[in-house]
Amino acid sequence: MVIKSRKLYVEMCKFVRQYYGEKGDPAICTMRSQLLMALHDSGQAAELCAHDPTHKLAWWVVDSLLREVDSLSGG
């Protein structure tokens, strides 16, 4: 359902930020990251992922980690 609607996805992200701001519960952030990765893995939500700064951060972290592992292994 979220995959088809950018507006619904954006509203869900707003809700997560608001809930986390009020409750401080990290589980809600985990839910958002899991949803984002599921969208990415499905290949159906490239548009949503492309505009989500969390997705960009996740890819930056993965890229950095892979570069570090590569340099440590002599590659």
PDB file of N, CA and C in Angstrom:
ATOM      1  N   MET A   1       0.818  -1.191   0.000  1.00  0.00           N
ATOM      2  CA  MET A   1       0.000   0.000   0.000  1.00  0.00           C
ATOM      3  C   MET A   1       0.861   1.253   0.000  1.00  0.00           C
ATOM      4  N   VAL A   2       1.869   1.283   0.813  1.00  0.00           N
ATOM      5  CA  VAL A   2       2.761   2.444   0.879  1.00  0.00           C
ATOM      6  C   VAL A   2       3.544   2.586  -0.417  1.00  0.00           C
ATOM      7  N   ILE A   3       3.879   1.466  -1.043  1.00  0.00           N
ATOM      8  CA  ILE A   3       4.683   1.493  -2.262  1.00  0.00           C
ATOM      9  C   ILE A   3       4.001   2.314  -3.344  1.00  0.00           C
ATOM     10  N   LYS A   4       2.713   2.281  -3.423  1.00  0.00           N
ATOM     11  CA  LYS A   4       1.982   2.953  -4.495  1.00  0.00           C
ATOM     12  C   LYS A   4       1.783   4.446  -4.253  1.00  0.00           C
ATOM     13  N   SER A   5       1.956   4.911  -3.028  1.00  0.00           N
ATOM     14  CA  SER A   5       1.614   6.290  -2.714  1.00  0.00           C
ATOM     15  C   SER A   5       2.764   7.024  -2.030  1.00  0.00           C
ATOM     16  N   ARG A   6       3.345   7.959  -2.745  1.00  0.00           N
ATOM     17  CA  ARG A   6       4.411   8.783  -2.152  1.00  0.00           C
ATOM     18  C   ARG A   6       3.859   9.586  -0.982  1.00  0.00           C
ATOM     19  N   LYS A   7       2.652  10.122  -1.127  1.00  0.00           N
ATOM     20  CA  LYS A   7       2.051  10.924  -0.059  1.00  0.00           C
ATOM     21  C   LYS A   7       1.878  10.089   1.209  1.00  0.00           C
ATOM     22  N   LEU A   8       1.408   8.863   1.072  1.00  0.00           N
ATOM     23  CA  LEU A   8       1.228   7.993   2.234  1.00  0.00           C
ATOM     24  C   LEU A   8       2.573   7.691   2.892  1.00  0.00           C
ATOM     25  N   TYR A   9       3.591   7.450   2.080  1.00  0.00           N
ATOM     26  CA  TYR A   9       4.920   7.174   2.614  1.00  0.00           C
ATOM     27  C   TYR A   9       5.460   8.389   3.375  1.00  0.00           C
ATOM     28  N   VAL A  10       5.305   9.576   2.800  1.00  0.00           N
ATOM     29  CA  VAL A  10       5.777  10.801   3.450  1.00  0.00           C
ATOM     30  C   VAL A  10       5.032  11.024   4.768  1.00  0.00           C
ATOM     31  N   GLU A  11       3.733  10.794   4.770  1.00  0.00           N
ATOM     32  CA  GLU A  11       2.956  10.957   6.001  1.00  0.00           C
ATOM     33  C   GLU A  11       3.383   9.940   7.063  1.00  0.00           C
ATOM     34  N   MET A  12       3.695   8.715   6.633  1.00  0.00           N
ATOM     35  CA  MET A  12       4.172   7.712   7.573  1.00  0.00           C
ATOM     36  C   MET A  12       5.494   8.161   8.196  1.00  0.00           C
ATOM     37  N   CYS A  13       6.375   8.729   7.384  1.00  0.00           N
ATOM     38  CA  CYS A  13       7.657   9.217   7.887  1.00  0.00           C
ATOM     39  C   CYS A  13       7.460  10.358   8.881  1.00  0.00           C
ATOM     40  N   LYS A  14       6.518  11.244   8.600  1.00  0.00           N
ATOM     41  CA  LYS A  14       6.205  12.336   9.536  1.00  0.00           C
ATOM     42  C   LYS A  14       5.707  11.780  10.863  1.00  0.00           C
ATOM     43  N   PHE A  15       4.826  10.768  10.774  1.00  0.00           N
ATOM     44  CA  PHE A  15       4.314  10.140  11.983  1.00  0.00           C
ATOM     45  C   PHE A  15       5.441   9.535  12.811  1.00  0.00           C
ATOM     46  N   VAL A  16       6.364   8.853  12.144  1.00  0.00           N
ATOM     47  CA  VAL A  16       7.499   8.233  12.840  1.00  0.00           C
ATOM     48  C   VAL A  16       8.318   9.306  13.564  1.00  0.00           C
ATOM     49  N   ARG A  17       8.625  10.404  12.866  1.00  0.00           N
ATOM     50  CA  ARG A  17       9.392  11.488  13.499  1.00  0.00           C
ATOM     51  C   ARG A  17       8.655  12.060  14.699  1.00  0.00           C
ATOM     52  N   GLN A  18       7.359  12.297  14.553  1.00  0.00           N
ATOM     53  CA  GLN A  18       6.571  12.853  15.643  1.00  0.00           C
ATOM     54  C   GLN A  18       6.518  11.885  16.830  1.00  0.00           C
ATOM     55  N   TYR A  19       6.244  10.629  16.540  1.00  0.00           N
ATOM     56  CA  TYR A  19       6.156   9.616  17.603  1.00  0.00           C
ATOM     57  C   TYR A  19       7.485   9.491  18.333  1.00  0.00           C
ATOM     58  N   TYR A  20       8.566   9.436  17.576  1.00  0.00           N
ATOM     59  CA  TYR A  20       9.882   9.326  18.202  1.00  0.00           C
ATOM     60  C   TYR A  20      10.184  10.563  19.041  1.00  0.00           C
ATOM     61  N   GLY A  21       9.827  11.733  18.540  1.00  0.00           N
ATOM     62  CA  GLY A  21      10.040  12.966  19.288  1.00  0.00           C
ATOM     63  C   GLY A  21       9.281  12.987  20.605  1.00  0.00           C
ATOM     64  N   GLU A  22       8.077  12.428  20.614  1.00  0.00           N
ATOM     65  CA  GLU A  22       7.246  12.417  21.821  1.00  0.00           C
ATOM     66  C   GLU A  22       7.613  11.288  22.775  1.00  0.00           C
ATOM     67  N   LYS A  23       7.864  10.103  22.253  1.00  0.00           N
ATOM     68  CA  LYS A  23       8.063   8.912  23.091  1.00  0.00           C
ATOM     69  C   LYS A  23       9.523   8.496  23.227  1.00  0.00           C
ATOM     70  N   GLY A  24      10.338   8.846  22.233  1.00  0.00           N
ATOM     71  CA  GLY A  24      11.743   8.437  22.284  1.00  0.00           C
ATOM     72  C   GLY A  24      11.959   6.942  22.111  1.00  0.00           C
ATOM     73  N   ASP A  25      10.993   6.268  21.538  1.00  0.00           N
ATOM     74  CA  ASP A  25      11.054   4.814  21.377  1.00  0.00           C
ATOM     75  C   ASP A  25      11.818   4.459  20.098  1.00  0.00           C
ATOM     76  N   PRO A  26      13.014   3.874  20.219  1.00  0.00           N
ATOM     77  CA  PRO A  26      13.797   3.555  19.024  1.00  0.00           C
ATOM     78  C   PRO A  26      13.166   2.474  18.148  1.00  0.00           C
ATOM     79  N   ALA A  27      12.217   1.725  18.676  1.00  0.00           N
ATOM     80  CA  ALA A  27      11.569   0.671  17.882  1.00  0.00           C
ATOM     81  C   ALA A  27      10.857   1.261  16.672  1.00  0.00           C
ATOM     82  N   ILE A  28      10.305   2.450  16.805  1.00  0.00           N
ATOM     83  CA  ILE A  28       9.609   3.062  15.676  1.00  0.00           C
ATOM     84  C   ILE A  28      10.598   3.420  14.568  1.00  0.00           C
ATOM     85  N   CYS A  29      11.808   3.801  14.941  1.00  0.00           N
ATOM     86  CA  CYS A  29      12.839   4.095  13.942  1.00  0.00           C
ATOM     87  C   CYS A  29      13.271   2.817  13.234  1.00  0.00           C
ATOM     88  N   THR A  30      13.343   1.737  13.979  1.00  0.00           N
ATOM     89  CA  THR A  30      13.676   0.447  13.393  1.00  0.00           C
ATOM     90  C   THR A  30      12.609   0.036  12.388  1.00  0.00           C
ATOM     91  N   MET A  31      11.354   0.274  12.732  1.00  0.00           N
ATOM     92  CA  MET A  31      10.268  -0.056  11.816  1.00  0.00           C
ATOM     93  C   MET A  31      10.413   0.730  10.511  1.00  0.00           C
ATOM     94  N   ARG A  32      10.745   2.022  10.621  1.00  0.00           N
ATOM     95  CA  ARG A  32      10.898   2.832   9.417  1.00  0.00           C
ATOM     96  C   ARG A  32      12.056   2.334   8.563  1.00  0.00           C
ATOM     97  N   SER A  33      13.177   2.023   9.204  1.00  0.00           N
ATOM     98  CA  SER A  33      14.319   1.556   8.417  1.00  0.00           C
ATOM     99  C   SER A  33      14.021   0.210   7.761  1.00  0.00           C
ATOM    100  N   GLN A  34      13.293  -0.653   8.451  1.00  0.00           N
ATOM    101  CA  GLN A  34      12.926  -1.946   7.874  1.00  0.00           C
ATOM    102  C   GLN A  34      11.976  -1.763   6.687  1.00  0.00           C
ATOM    103  N   LEU A  35      11.036  -0.834   6.813  1.00  0.00           N
ATOM    104  CA  LEU A  35      10.139  -0.543   5.705  1.00  0.00           C
ATOM    105  C   LEU A  35      10.922  -0.010   4.513  1.00  0.00           C
ATOM    106  N   LEU A  36      11.831   0.903   4.775  1.00  0.00           N
ATOM    107  CA  LEU A  36      12.635   1.486   3.702  1.00  0.00           C
ATOM    108  C   LEU A  36      13.459   0.418   2.992  1.00  0.00           C
ATOM    109  N   MET A  37      14.086  -0.468   3.742  1.00  0.00           N
ATOM    110  CA  MET A  37      14.891  -1.519   3.123  1.00  0.00           C
ATOM    111  C   MET A  37      14.012  -2.526   2.379  1.00  0.00           C
ATOM    112  N   ALA A  38      12.821  -2.794   2.897  1.00  0.00           N
ATOM    113  CA  ALA A  38      11.897  -3.687   2.184  1.00  0.00           C
ATOM    114  C   ALA A  38      11.460  -3.058   0.859  1.00  0.00           C
ATOM    115  N   LEU A  39      11.210  -1.753   0.883  1.00  0.00           N
ATOM    116  CA  LEU A  39      10.868  -1.050  -0.353  1.00  0.00           C
ATOM    117  C   LEU A  39      12.021  -1.124  -1.344  1.00  0.00           C
ATOM    118  N   HIS A  40      13.230  -0.898  -0.844  1.00  0.00           N
ATOM    119  CA  HIS A  40      14.412  -0.960  -1.701  1.00  0.00           C
ATOM    120  C   HIS A  40      14.567  -2.360  -2.303  1.00  0.00           C
ATOM    121  N   ASP A  41      14.460  -3.369  -1.457  1.00  0.00           N
ATOM    122  CA  ASP A  41      14.641  -4.751  -1.912  1.00  0.00           C
ATOM    123  C   ASP A  41      13.572  -5.178  -2.910  1.00  0.00           C
ATOM    124  N   SER A  42      12.375  -4.618  -2.784  1.00  0.00           N
ATOM    125  CA  SER A  42      11.294  -5.001  -3.694  1.00  0.00           C
ATOM    126  C   SER A  42      11.534  -4.494  -5.110  1.00  0.00           C
ATOM    127  N   GLY A  43      12.338  -3.441  -5.230  1.00  0.00           N
ATOM    128  CA  GLY A  43      12.600  -2.863  -6.530  1.00  0.00           C
ATOM    129  C   GLY A  43      11.425  -2.084  -7.096  1.00  0.00           C
ATOM    130  N   GLN A  44      10.356  -1.978  -6.344  1.00  0.00           N
ATOM    131  CA  GLN A  44       9.149  -1.314  -6.816  1.00  0.00           C
ATOM    132  C   GLN A  44       9.071   0.142  -6.362  1.00  0.00           C
ATOM    133  N   ALA A  45      10.008   0.584  -5.560  1.00  0.00           N
ATOM    134  CA  ALA A  45       9.873   1.897  -4.941  1.00  0.00           C
ATOM    135  C   ALA A  45      11.108   2.766  -5.128  1.00  0.00           C
ATOM    136  N   ALA A  46      11.740   2.665  -6.270  1.00  0.00           N
ATOM    137  CA  ALA A  46      12.945   3.446  -6.527  1.00  0.00           C
ATOM    138  C   ALA A  46      12.690   4.939  -6.364  1.00  0.00           C
ATOM    139  N   GLU A  47      11.530   5.389  -6.785  1.00  0.00           N
ATOM    140  CA  GLU A  47      11.168   6.806  -6.661  1.00  0.00           C
ATOM    141  C   GLU A  47      11.118   7.244  -5.204  1.00  0.00           C
ATOM    142  N   LEU A  48      10.486   6.440  -4.359  1.00  0.00           N
ATOM    143  CA  LEU A  48      10.416   6.777  -2.936  1.00  0.00           C
ATOM    144  C   LEU A  48      11.797   6.763  -2.297  1.00  0.00           C
ATOM    145  N   CYS A  49      12.565   5.730  -2.584  1.00  0.00           N
ATOM    146  CA  CYS A  49      13.895   5.598  -1.996  1.00  0.00           C
ATOM    147  C   CYS A  49      14.816   6.728  -2.437  1.00  0.00           C
ATOM    148  N   ALA A  50      14.695   7.145  -3.675  1.00  0.00           N
ATOM    149  CA  ALA A  50      15.575   8.180  -4.214  1.00  0.00           C
ATOM    150  C   ALA A  50      15.402   9.515  -3.494  1.00  0.00           C
ATOM    151  N   HIS A  51      14.237   9.764  -2.944  1.00  0.00           N
ATOM    152  CA  HIS A  51      13.964  11.045  -2.288  1.00  0.00           C
ATOM    153  C   HIS A  51      14.023  10.968  -0.770  1.00  0.00           C
ATOM    154  N   ASP A  52      14.359   9.823  -0.237  1.00  0.00           N
ATOM    155  CA  ASP A  52      14.398   9.667   1.217  1.00  0.00           C
ATOM    156  C   ASP A  52      15.828   9.828   1.711  1.00  0.00           C
ATOM    157  N   PRO A  53      16.098  10.857   2.523  1.00  0.00           N
ATOM    158  CA  PRO A  53      17.465  11.065   3.002  1.00  0.00           C
ATOM    159  C   PRO A  53      17.989   9.897   3.844  1.00  0.00           C
ATOM    160  N   THR A  54      17.101   9.159   4.469  1.00  0.00           N
ATOM    161  CA  THR A  54      17.527   7.993   5.240  1.00  0.00           C
ATOM    162  C   THR A  54      18.115   6.931   4.320  1.00  0.00           C
ATOM    163  N   HIS A  55      17.532   6.771   3.152  1.00  0.00           N
ATOM    164  CA  HIS A  55      18.049   5.812   2.173  1.00  0.00           C
ATOM    165  C   HIS A  55      19.447   6.223   1.720  1.00  0.00           C
ATOM    166  N   LYS A  56      19.628   7.509   1.464  1.00  0.00           N
ATOM    167  CA  LYS A  56      20.943   8.009   1.058  1.00  0.00           C
ATOM    168  C   LYS A  56      21.976   7.770   2.160  1.00  0.00           C
ATOM    169  N   LEU A  57      21.584   8.006   3.404  1.00  0.00           N
ATOM    170  CA  LEU A  57      22.489   7.764   4.531  1.00  0.00           C
ATOM    171  C   LEU A  57      22.854   6.285   4.630  1.00  0.00           C
ATOM    172  N   ALA A  58      21.860   5.422   4.482  1.00  0.00           N
ATOM    173  CA  ALA A  58      22.122   3.980   4.560  1.00  0.00           C
ATOM    174  C   ALA A  58      23.115   3.550   3.486  1.00  0.00           C
ATOM    175  N   TRP A  59      22.942   4.054   2.261  1.00  0.00           N
ATOM    176  CA  TRP A  59      23.870   3.691   1.190  1.00  0.00           C
ATOM    177  C   TRP A  59      25.262   4.263   1.432  1.00  0.00           C
ATOM    178  N   TRP A  60      25.344   5.454   2.014  1.00  0.00           N
ATOM    179  CA  TRP A  60      26.642   6.034   2.322  1.00  0.00           C
ATOM    180  C   TRP A  60      27.372   5.166   3.347  1.00  0.00           C
ATOM    181  N   VAL A  61      26.654   4.723   4.373  1.00  0.00           N
ATOM    182  CA  VAL A  61      27.249   3.879   5.414  1.00  0.00           C
ATOM    183  C   VAL A  61      27.719   2.546   4.830  1.00  0.00           C
ATOM    184  N   VAL A  62      26.889   1.919   4.018  1.00  0.00           N
ATOM    185  CA  VAL A  62      27.261   0.636   3.397  1.00  0.00           C
ATOM    186  C   VAL A  62      28.478   0.818   2.497  1.00  0.00           C
ATOM    187  N   ASP A  63      28.479   1.860   1.691  1.00  0.00           N
ATOM    188  CA  ASP A  63      29.606   2.131   0.801  1.00  0.00           C
ATOM    189  C   ASP A  63      30.889   2.346   1.590  1.00  0.00           C
ATOM    190  N   SER A  64      30.805   3.125   2.648  1.00  0.00           N
ATOM    191  CA  SER A  64      31.970   3.393   3.489  1.00  0.00           C
ATOM    192  C   SER A  64      32.493   2.106   4.133  1.00  0.00           C
ATOM    193  N   LEU A  65      31.585   1.293   4.625  1.00  0.00           N
ATOM    194  CA  LEU A  65      31.973   0.024   5.244  1.00  0.00           C
ATOM    195  C   LEU A  65      32.661  -0.886   4.237  1.00  0.00           C
ATOM    196  N   LEU A  66      32.113  -0.983   3.042  1.00  0.00           N
ATOM    197  CA  LEU A  66      32.707  -1.841   2.030  1.00  0.00           C
ATOM    198  C   LEU A  66      34.107  -1.355   1.627  1.00  0.00           C
ATOM    199  N   ARG A  67      34.271  -0.049   1.539  1.00  0.00           N
ATOM    200  CA  ARG A  67      35.587   0.506   1.225  1.00  0.00           C
ATOM    201  C   ARG A  67      36.600   0.190   2.333  1.00  0.00           C
ATOM    202  N   GLU A  68      36.159   0.281   3.578  1.00  0.00           N
ATOM    203  CA  GLU A  68      37.037  -0.002   4.707  1.00  0.00           C
ATOM    204  C   GLU A  68      37.443  -1.471   4.735  1.00  0.00           C
ATOM    205  N   VAL A  69      36.469  -2.346   4.527  1.00  0.00           N
ATOM    206  CA  VAL A  69      36.764  -3.784   4.506  1.00  0.00           C
ATOM    207  C   VAL A  69      37.715  -4.095   3.364  1.00  0.00           C
ATOM    208  N   ASP A  70      37.490  -3.493   2.211  1.00  0.00           N
ATOM    209  CA  ASP A  70      38.346  -3.710   1.060  1.00  0.00           C
ATOM    210  C   ASP A  70      39.782  -3.261   1.338  1.00  0.00           C
ATOM    211  N   SER A  71      39.926  -2.100   1.983  1.00  0.00           N
ATOM    212  CA  SER A  71      41.279  -1.606   2.271  1.00  0.00           C
ATOM    213  C   SER A  71      41.984  -2.466   3.322  1.00  0.00           C
ATOM    214  N   LEU A  72      41.236  -3.000   4.279  1.00  0.00           N
ATOM    215  CA  LEU A  72      41.840  -3.860   5.294  1.00  0.00           C
ATOM    216  C   LEU A  72      42.245  -5.225   4.746  1.00  0.00           C
ATOM    217  N   SER A  73      41.533  -5.659   3.702  1.00  0.00           N
ATOM    218  CA  SER A  73      41.848  -6.970   3.140  1.00  0.00           C
ATOM    219  C   SER A  73      42.913  -6.887   2.052  1.00  0.00           C
ATOM    220  N   GLY A  74      43.414  -5.663   1.826  1.00  0.00           N
ATOM    221  CA  GLY A  74      44.479  -5.487   0.847  1.00  0.00           C
ATOM    222  C   GLY A  74      43.993  -5.330  -0.572  1.00  0.00           C
ATOM    223  N   GLY A  75      42.700  -5.118  -0.735  1.00  0.00           N
ATOM    224  CA  GLY A  75      42.112  -5.028  -2.072  1.00  0.00           C
ATOM    225  C   GLY A  75      42.136  -3.678  -2.685  1.00  0.00           C
TER     226      GLY A  75
END
